[in-house]
Amino acid sequence: MTDDEARPHHGRGKAPWLAGLAGLVAVGAGAGVSVARSVAHRIADEDPYRDEDFELLGADRSVIVTTPDGVPLAVREVGPPDARLTVVFSHGFCLRMGAFHFQRARLAEQWGDQVRMVFYDQRGHGMSGDAPPDTFTVPQLGQDLEAVLSVTVPRGPVVLVGHSMGGMTVLSHARQFPKSYPNRIVGAAMIASAAEGVSRSPLGEILRNPALEAARFAVRYAPNAVNHGRGATRSIIGPVLRAASYGDEKVSRSVVAFSEKMMHETPVTTMVGFLHALEVHDETAGLKTLAKVPTLIACGDHDLLTPMEYSREMAVALPKSELVIVEGAGHLVQLEQPEVIDDALVRLVERATPSKLVALTRRLKERARHHG
C-alpha cells in the first residue's frame, strides 16, 4: 500500500476504509459474544483464592533489560543470583508476568536456593515499554528473550518456560539461537502453545473477522483511530479471550478477576498488533533444536485458542518430551490448575539437570567424609 492510499481522502478526516468500521465492529462483537456464551465458564461458589496477593511478583528484585531496538523490558527475579540453575518464564498474549503467579509462589518454596527464577513482561505488555507495531512478531519475541538471557543469565544452565505466545517465543529462540542448546539451555516447557499459526483452532474464524482486519490496518496507518475505538475493538477480542481462558470446571472468582484485569490493561495496539503474529507464525523449525533437550508440553483439554492437537503434534516431534493433558482446563491452565503444571515443571527441572544435581550431592558427601 502506498502512503497516498493510506492518507485520508476528500477532506473528510478519515480514510474510506474507516467509514464502515462501526458496522464491522458490530458484526465482530456479536460473533465474539456468541462464542463466549457457548463456552461460558462456571464460577465456583467457594473462592479458595479470595485473599491471594496476586501482585506478589511486584515486590521481587527488579531489573530493566533494554532490547537492541531500544524497548525497555520489565524483569523480576526470585532466588539467589548464584543459584546453580535459572528458570526463565515467558508469558502469553494479552497477559503479563503475573500469569505465572502460582508458579512463582509454589516453586520458590519447592526449589529453595537451588534455583533462581526470572520473569519478564513481553514488549507492549505489562510494565514493559511500547514498541512499533511492525515489531509485534514472534521472531522479534525470540530475540527479546535472548536479550533477557544475555543480561540476567550471562552464565550457567537455563530452563525456559513459555505459556501460549511465550511458548512460541521459546520455539522462536530455539530456531534463531540453536547453538545455545543443549549446553546453555538444558530444558524447555511449552504450555498451551503451538508451533505454528492458530488459524486452525475453532477461534481462527473470529481472529480473521473483518472488524479485526480493519483494526489491524488502523494500528499501522492510523493508530489514533484505534485508540478512539478501543472499546469496540475490545468488545470483539475480549469475549474470545475470556471464553478461551478456562475449561468446564468451576473456577475461582478471584483468579478470573485477576486474568481479566491483565487482559483489560493490555493496550489495544498491542492486542491488535500481535493477533496477526499468532495467526501466521511458523516456528516448527525450532522443534529440531528443542529435540536436543528434555521438554514439557502441557495444555488443557478444553483449550480453544491452542487446542490439544497442537500440543500432541509438538510432543511427537520431541523425543525427550513429557506430554501433560490437563482434564477440564482451558487456555490459562497454569492459573486454573496450577498444581498439575507446578509438579510437571519440577519433573522437567529434575530431568534437565540430573547429572549436575547428582554430581553436586556426590561432591558434598565426599567433602563431608573427607573432613570427617
Protein backbone atom coordinates (compact mmCIF):
# COMPACT_ATOMS: atom_id res chain seq x y z
CA MET A 1 0.00 0.00 0.00
CA THR A 2 1.32 3.46 -0.89
CA ASP A 3 1.38 6.38 1.52
CA ASP A 4 -1.23 8.10 -0.66
CA GLU A 5 -3.60 5.19 -0.28
CA ALA A 6 -3.25 5.27 3.47
CA ARG A 7 -3.92 9.01 3.82
CA PRO A 8 -7.40 10.47 4.45
CA HIS A 9 -9.32 11.39 1.28
CA HIS A 10 -11.76 14.08 0.22
CA GLY A 11 -11.00 16.24 3.28
CA ARG A 12 -13.30 14.16 5.48
CA GLY A 13 -10.56 13.47 8.03
CA LYS A 14 -10.81 9.68 7.74
CA ALA A 15 -9.80 7.10 5.17
CA PRO A 16 -12.62 5.32 3.27
CA TRP A 17 -11.89 2.01 5.00
CA LEU A 18 -12.68 3.60 8.35
CA ALA A 19 -16.17 4.59 7.23
CA GLY A 20 -17.50 1.06 7.54
CA LEU A 21 -15.57 0.22 10.69
CA ALA A 22 -18.52 0.76 13.04
CA GLY A 23 -20.67 -1.75 11.15
CA LEU A 24 -17.87 -4.29 11.03
CA VAL A 25 -17.23 -3.89 14.73
CA ALA A 26 -20.91 -4.52 15.49
CA VAL A 27 -20.80 -7.77 13.49
CA GLY A 28 -17.48 -8.76 15.03
CA ALA A 29 -18.57 -8.05 18.58
CA GLY A 30 -21.66 -10.18 18.05
CA ALA A 31 -19.51 -13.06 16.84
CA GLY A 32 -17.19 -12.74 19.82
CA VAL A 33 -20.04 -12.66 22.31
CA SER A 34 -21.74 -15.69 20.73
CA VAL A 35 -18.54 -17.73 21.08
CA ALA A 36 -18.20 -16.56 24.67
CA ARG A 37 -21.76 -17.61 25.53
CA SER A 38 -21.29 -21.05 24.02
CA VAL A 39 -18.32 -21.81 26.29
CA ALA A 40 -19.01 -19.69 29.37
CA HIS A 41 -17.13 -20.99 32.38
CA ARG A 42 -18.71 -21.56 35.76
CA ILE A 43 -17.63 -19.53 38.76
CA ALA A 44 -17.12 -21.51 41.98
CA ASP A 45 -19.29 -20.59 44.98
CA GLU A 46 -16.35 -21.04 47.33
CA ASP A 47 -13.25 -18.99 46.47
CA PRO A 48 -10.03 -20.50 47.87
CA TYR A 49 -8.02 -17.58 46.47
CA ARG A 50 -10.16 -14.78 47.89
CA ASP A 51 -7.26 -13.42 49.98
CA GLU A 52 -4.48 -14.21 47.47
CA ASP A 53 -1.92 -11.45 46.81
CA PHE A 54 -1.71 -11.60 43.02
CA GLU A 55 0.85 -8.77 42.97
CA LEU A 56 3.49 -10.94 44.66
CA LEU A 57 5.94 -10.55 41.78
CA GLY A 58 5.83 -6.76 42.09
CA ALA A 59 7.95 -6.92 45.26
CA ASP A 60 10.70 -9.10 43.78
CA ARG A 61 14.14 -7.85 42.64
CA SER A 62 13.63 -5.53 39.69
CA VAL A 63 15.74 -5.22 36.54
CA ILE A 64 15.19 -3.36 33.25
CA VAL A 65 16.55 -5.04 30.13
CA THR A 66 16.72 -2.81 27.05
CA THR A 67 16.41 -4.69 23.75
CA PRO A 68 18.75 -3.92 20.83
CA ASP A 69 15.96 -1.84 19.23
CA GLY A 70 15.51 0.20 22.41
CA VAL A 71 12.44 -1.31 24.11
CA PRO A 72 12.69 -1.46 27.94
CA LEU A 73 11.54 -4.85 29.27
CA ALA A 74 10.45 -5.12 32.92
CA VAL A 75 12.10 -8.09 34.67
CA ARG A 76 11.65 -9.62 38.15
CA GLU A 77 13.97 -12.16 39.83
CA VAL A 78 13.41 -14.61 42.69
CA GLY A 79 16.11 -16.74 44.33
CA PRO A 80 19.89 -16.46 44.78
CA PRO A 81 21.80 -14.73 41.94
CA ASP A 82 24.38 -17.54 42.15
CA ALA A 83 21.86 -20.42 42.06
CA ARG A 84 23.03 -23.46 40.08
CA LEU A 85 20.07 -23.24 37.66
CA THR A 86 17.91 -20.40 36.33
CA VAL A 87 14.34 -20.90 35.07
CA VAL A 88 13.12 -18.10 32.77
CA PHE A 89 9.36 -17.59 32.27
CA SER A 90 7.82 -16.03 29.15
CA HIS A 91 4.10 -15.11 29.33
CA GLY A 92 1.34 -15.17 26.72
CA PHE A 93 -0.74 -12.80 24.60
CA CYS A 94 -2.59 -10.03 26.49
CA LEU A 95 -1.11 -11.13 29.83
CA ARG A 96 1.97 -10.20 31.86
CA MET A 97 4.50 -11.97 34.08
CA GLY A 98 1.82 -12.28 36.79
CA ALA A 99 0.28 -15.05 34.67
CA PHE A 100 2.88 -17.26 36.42
CA HIS A 101 1.79 -16.12 39.90
CA PHE A 102 1.17 -19.63 41.25
CA GLN A 103 4.42 -20.98 39.80
CA ARG A 104 6.38 -18.16 41.43
CA ALA A 105 4.70 -18.75 44.80
CA ARG A 106 4.96 -22.55 44.96
CA LEU A 107 8.23 -23.20 43.11
CA ALA A 108 10.20 -20.63 45.12
CA GLU A 109 9.42 -22.81 48.15
CA GLN A 110 9.96 -26.08 46.31
CA TRP A 111 13.35 -25.25 44.80
CA GLY A 112 14.71 -23.02 47.56
CA ASP A 113 18.28 -21.85 46.99
CA GLN A 114 18.99 -24.31 44.18
CA VAL A 115 17.05 -22.38 41.51
CA ARG A 116 16.66 -18.74 40.52
CA MET A 117 13.52 -17.72 38.63
CA VAL A 118 13.37 -14.85 36.14
CA PHE A 119 10.07 -13.38 34.88
CA TYR A 120 9.59 -10.58 32.35
CA ASP A 121 6.85 -8.69 30.53
CA GLN A 122 6.85 -9.05 26.74
CA ARG A 123 7.14 -5.86 24.67
CA GLY A 124 3.91 -3.88 24.69
CA HIS A 125 2.62 -5.81 27.72
CA GLY A 126 2.55 -5.13 31.47
CA MET A 127 5.25 -2.76 32.69
CA SER A 128 7.43 -3.15 29.58
CA GLY A 129 7.66 -0.36 27.02
CA ASP A 130 5.57 0.01 23.91
CA ALA A 131 7.12 -0.72 20.52
CA PRO A 132 6.39 -0.09 16.83
CA PRO A 133 3.56 -2.36 15.58
CA ASP A 134 5.82 -3.89 12.92
CA THR A 135 7.93 -5.38 15.73
CA PHE A 136 4.98 -7.31 17.15
CA THR A 137 6.18 -10.61 15.67
CA VAL A 138 7.13 -13.99 17.10
CA PRO A 139 10.70 -13.82 15.68
CA GLN A 140 11.16 -10.50 17.49
CA LEU A 141 9.96 -12.08 20.75
CA GLY A 142 12.63 -14.77 20.36
CA GLN A 143 15.24 -12.01 20.05
CA ASP A 144 13.81 -10.24 23.11
CA LEU A 145 14.19 -13.47 25.09
CA GLU A 146 17.85 -13.64 24.06
CA ALA A 147 18.31 -10.06 25.29
CA VAL A 148 16.80 -11.03 28.67
CA LEU A 149 19.06 -14.09 28.88
CA SER A 150 22.20 -12.11 27.95
CA VAL A 151 21.65 -9.60 30.75
CA THR A 152 20.10 -11.71 33.52
CA VAL A 153 21.76 -15.12 32.95
CA PRO A 154 25.19 -14.48 31.42
CA ARG A 155 26.39 -17.91 32.58
CA GLY A 156 25.06 -21.19 33.90
CA PRO A 157 22.34 -23.60 32.75
CA VAL A 158 18.83 -22.34 31.94
CA VAL A 159 15.38 -23.93 31.61
CA LEU A 160 12.89 -21.91 29.52
CA VAL A 161 9.15 -21.90 30.30
CA GLY A 162 6.65 -20.34 27.91
CA HIS A 163 2.87 -20.09 28.07
CA SER A 164 0.85 -19.53 24.87
CA MET A 165 2.66 -16.79 22.91
CA GLY A 166 5.51 -17.32 25.40
CA GLY A 167 5.82 -20.92 24.20
CA MET A 168 6.06 -19.60 20.65
CA THR A 169 8.78 -17.24 21.97
CA VAL A 170 10.75 -20.26 23.24
CA LEU A 171 10.39 -22.02 19.88
CA SER A 172 11.49 -18.86 18.08
CA HIS A 173 14.53 -18.57 20.34
CA ALA A 174 15.45 -22.21 19.65
CA ARG A 175 15.24 -21.62 15.89
CA GLN A 176 17.32 -18.42 15.97
CA PHE A 177 19.90 -19.41 18.59
CA PRO A 178 20.41 -23.17 18.11
CA LYS A 179 23.99 -23.10 19.40
CA SER A 180 22.67 -22.34 22.90
CA TYR A 181 21.12 -25.83 23.02
CA PRO A 182 21.87 -28.11 24.86
CA ASN A 183 24.93 -26.59 26.55
CA ARG A 184 23.28 -23.40 27.85
CA ILE A 185 19.56 -24.10 27.51
CA VAL A 186 19.15 -27.51 29.18
CA GLY A 187 15.33 -27.82 29.13
CA ALA A 188 12.16 -26.12 27.92
CA ALA A 189 8.41 -26.10 28.60
CA MET A 190 5.67 -25.04 26.19
CA ILE A 191 2.34 -24.64 27.99
CA ALA A 192 -0.88 -24.15 25.97
CA SER A 193 1.11 -23.25 22.90
CA ALA A 194 1.57 -24.08 19.21
CA ALA A 195 4.50 -24.37 16.82
CA GLU A 196 2.57 -22.67 14.01
CA GLY A 197 -0.36 -20.30 13.46
CA VAL A 198 -3.56 -20.83 15.39
CA SER A 199 -5.81 -20.30 12.36
CA ARG A 200 -6.81 -23.99 12.53
CA SER A 201 -8.30 -23.53 16.02
CA PRO A 202 -12.08 -23.12 16.47
CA LEU A 203 -11.46 -19.42 17.11
CA GLY A 204 -9.44 -18.92 13.93
CA GLU A 205 -12.52 -17.63 12.14
CA ILE A 206 -13.07 -14.99 14.82
CA LEU A 207 -9.44 -13.90 14.53
CA ARG A 208 -9.91 -13.43 10.79
CA ASN A 209 -13.06 -11.37 11.29
CA PRO A 210 -13.25 -8.25 9.04
CA ALA A 211 -13.53 -5.88 12.01
CA LEU A 212 -10.20 -7.11 13.33
CA GLU A 213 -8.68 -6.78 9.86
CA ALA A 214 -9.81 -3.12 9.84
CA ALA A 215 -8.44 -2.59 13.35
CA ARG A 216 -5.11 -4.20 12.36
CA PHE A 217 -4.85 -1.87 9.40
CA ALA A 218 -5.61 1.08 11.66
CA VAL A 219 -2.83 0.11 14.08
CA ARG A 220 -0.31 0.58 11.30
CA TYR A 221 -1.75 3.55 9.42
CA ALA A 222 -3.99 5.42 11.87
CA PRO A 223 -3.18 4.42 15.48
CA ASN A 224 -5.28 7.28 16.87
CA ALA A 225 -8.34 5.76 15.22
CA VAL A 226 -7.68 2.51 17.10
CA ASN A 227 -7.38 4.34 20.39
CA HIS A 228 -10.67 6.13 19.77
CA GLY A 229 -12.33 2.80 19.00
CA ARG A 230 -10.63 0.80 21.70
CA GLY A 231 -13.89 -0.09 23.45
CA ALA A 232 -15.29 -1.53 20.25
CA THR A 233 -12.08 -3.42 19.50
CA ARG A 234 -12.04 -4.91 22.99
CA SER A 235 -15.67 -5.96 22.54
CA ILE A 236 -14.55 -8.31 19.76
CA ILE A 237 -11.33 -9.67 21.23
CA GLY A 238 -12.25 -9.61 24.95
CA PRO A 239 -15.09 -12.15 24.89
CA VAL A 240 -12.98 -14.52 22.79
CA LEU A 241 -10.05 -14.41 25.22
CA ARG A 242 -12.28 -14.71 28.28
CA ALA A 243 -14.19 -17.62 26.78
CA ALA A 244 -10.98 -19.47 25.97
CA SER A 245 -9.33 -18.85 29.34
CA TYR A 246 -10.93 -21.58 31.44
CA GLY A 247 -12.47 -25.01 30.97
CA ASP A 248 -15.69 -26.51 32.23
CA GLU A 249 -14.64 -26.95 35.85
CA LYS A 250 -15.64 -24.36 38.44
CA VAL A 251 -13.12 -21.53 38.59
CA SER A 252 -12.10 -19.22 41.43
CA ARG A 253 -13.77 -15.82 41.13
CA SER A 254 -10.52 -14.10 42.21
CA VAL A 255 -8.44 -15.93 39.60
CA VAL A 256 -10.91 -14.96 36.86
CA ALA A 257 -10.88 -11.33 38.01
CA PHE A 258 -7.06 -11.32 38.02
CA SER A 259 -6.73 -12.72 34.50
CA GLU A 260 -9.39 -10.36 33.14
CA LYS A 261 -7.57 -7.42 34.73
CA MET A 262 -4.36 -8.41 32.90
CA MET A 263 -6.24 -8.60 29.60
CA HIS A 264 -8.09 -5.34 30.16
CA GLU A 265 -4.85 -3.48 30.96
CA THR A 266 -3.16 -4.62 27.74
CA PRO A 267 -3.07 -1.70 25.24
CA VAL A 268 -5.37 -2.18 22.26
CA THR A 269 -2.50 -1.54 19.83
CA THR A 270 -0.61 -4.46 21.43
CA MET A 271 -3.71 -6.63 21.37
CA VAL A 272 -4.45 -5.99 17.71
CA GLY A 273 -0.80 -5.89 16.66
CA PHE A 274 0.03 -9.37 17.92
CA LEU A 275 -3.13 -11.04 16.57
CA HIS A 276 -1.66 -11.34 13.09
CA ALA A 277 1.56 -12.79 14.52
CA LEU A 278 -0.40 -15.50 16.32
CA GLU A 279 -2.23 -16.43 13.13
CA VAL A 280 0.71 -16.62 10.72
CA HIS A 281 3.75 -17.57 12.80
CA ASP A 282 5.63 -20.75 11.94
CA GLU A 283 8.35 -21.78 14.36
CA THR A 284 8.27 -25.50 13.58
CA ALA A 285 12.00 -25.29 12.72
CA GLY A 286 12.66 -24.65 16.41
CA LEU A 287 11.41 -28.15 17.25
CA LYS A 288 14.57 -29.67 15.73
CA THR A 289 16.70 -27.70 18.20
CA LEU A 290 14.42 -28.41 21.17
CA ALA A 291 14.65 -32.13 20.41
CA LYS A 292 18.16 -31.96 21.94
CA VAL A 293 16.85 -31.17 25.45
CA PRO A 294 14.21 -32.53 27.85
CA THR A 295 10.90 -30.77 27.26
CA LEU A 296 7.46 -30.44 28.82
CA ILE A 297 4.41 -29.98 26.61
CA ALA A 298 1.24 -29.18 28.58
CA CYS A 299 -2.27 -27.97 27.78
CA GLY A 300 -5.88 -28.17 28.88
CA ASP A 301 -8.25 -30.46 27.02
CA HIS A 302 -10.79 -27.59 26.83
CA ASP A 303 -8.34 -25.08 25.32
CA LEU A 304 -10.00 -23.31 22.36
CA LEU A 305 -7.12 -21.00 21.40
CA THR A 306 -4.43 -23.69 21.19
CA PRO A 307 -6.35 -26.99 21.13
CA MET A 308 -4.56 -30.07 22.42
CA GLU A 309 -3.79 -31.40 18.92
CA TYR A 310 -1.16 -28.63 18.68
CA SER A 311 0.49 -29.97 21.83
CA ARG A 312 0.25 -33.58 20.65
CA GLU A 313 1.95 -32.62 17.37
CA MET A 314 4.82 -30.94 19.22
CA ALA A 315 5.23 -33.89 21.58
CA VAL A 316 5.55 -36.29 18.62
CA ALA A 317 8.39 -34.14 17.25
CA LEU A 318 10.22 -34.01 20.60
CA PRO A 319 11.65 -37.38 21.66
CA LYS A 320 12.59 -36.13 25.16
CA SER A 321 9.18 -34.64 25.90
CA GLU A 322 6.61 -35.31 28.59
CA LEU A 323 3.07 -34.56 27.38
CA VAL A 324 0.61 -33.44 30.08
CA ILE A 325 -3.04 -33.00 29.10
CA VAL A 326 -4.94 -31.36 31.95
CA GLU A 327 -8.52 -32.56 32.13
CA GLY A 328 -11.21 -29.87 32.20
CA ALA A 329 -8.75 -26.96 31.84
CA GLY A 330 -8.79 -24.12 29.31
CA HIS A 331 -6.08 -21.87 27.89
CA LEU A 332 -4.91 -20.41 31.24
CA VAL A 333 -4.16 -23.88 32.57
CA GLN A 334 -1.30 -22.67 34.80
CA LEU A 335 -3.72 -20.38 36.66
CA GLU A 336 -6.70 -22.75 36.56
CA GLN A 337 -4.97 -25.94 37.75
CA PRO A 338 -1.56 -24.71 38.96
CA GLU A 339 -0.63 -27.82 40.96
CA VAL A 340 -0.54 -30.02 37.85
CA ILE A 341 1.68 -27.54 35.99
CA ASP A 342 3.92 -26.94 39.04
CA ASP A 343 4.51 -30.67 39.50
CA ALA A 344 5.31 -31.08 35.80
CA LEU A 345 7.84 -28.21 35.94
CA VAL A 346 9.53 -29.82 38.95
CA ARG A 347 9.83 -33.05 36.96
CA LEU A 348 11.21 -31.14 33.95
CA VAL A 349 13.95 -29.50 36.04
CA GLU A 350 14.88 -32.87 37.54
CA ARG A 351 15.10 -34.39 34.04
CA ALA A 352 17.06 -31.42 32.68
CA THR A 353 19.69 -31.29 35.43
CA PRO A 354 20.14 -34.83 36.84
CA SER A 355 23.89 -35.15 36.34
CA LYS A 356 24.59 -31.68 37.81
CA LEU A 357 22.47 -32.28 40.90
CA VAL A 358 23.80 -35.82 41.36
CA ALA A 359 27.39 -34.61 40.94
CA LEU A 360 26.83 -31.81 43.44
CA THR A 361 25.40 -34.25 46.00
CA ARG A 362 28.31 -36.63 45.49
CA ARG A 363 30.89 -33.86 45.97
CA LEU A 364 29.21 -32.68 49.16
CA LYS A 365 29.19 -36.22 50.57
CA GLU A 366 32.87 -36.72 49.68
CA ARG A 367 33.79 -33.39 51.26
CA ALA A 368 31.87 -34.28 54.45
CA ARG A 369 33.58 -37.69 54.59
CA HIS A 370 37.00 -36.13 53.97
CA HIS A 371 36.55 -33.54 56.71
CA GLY A 372 35.05 -36.17 59.00
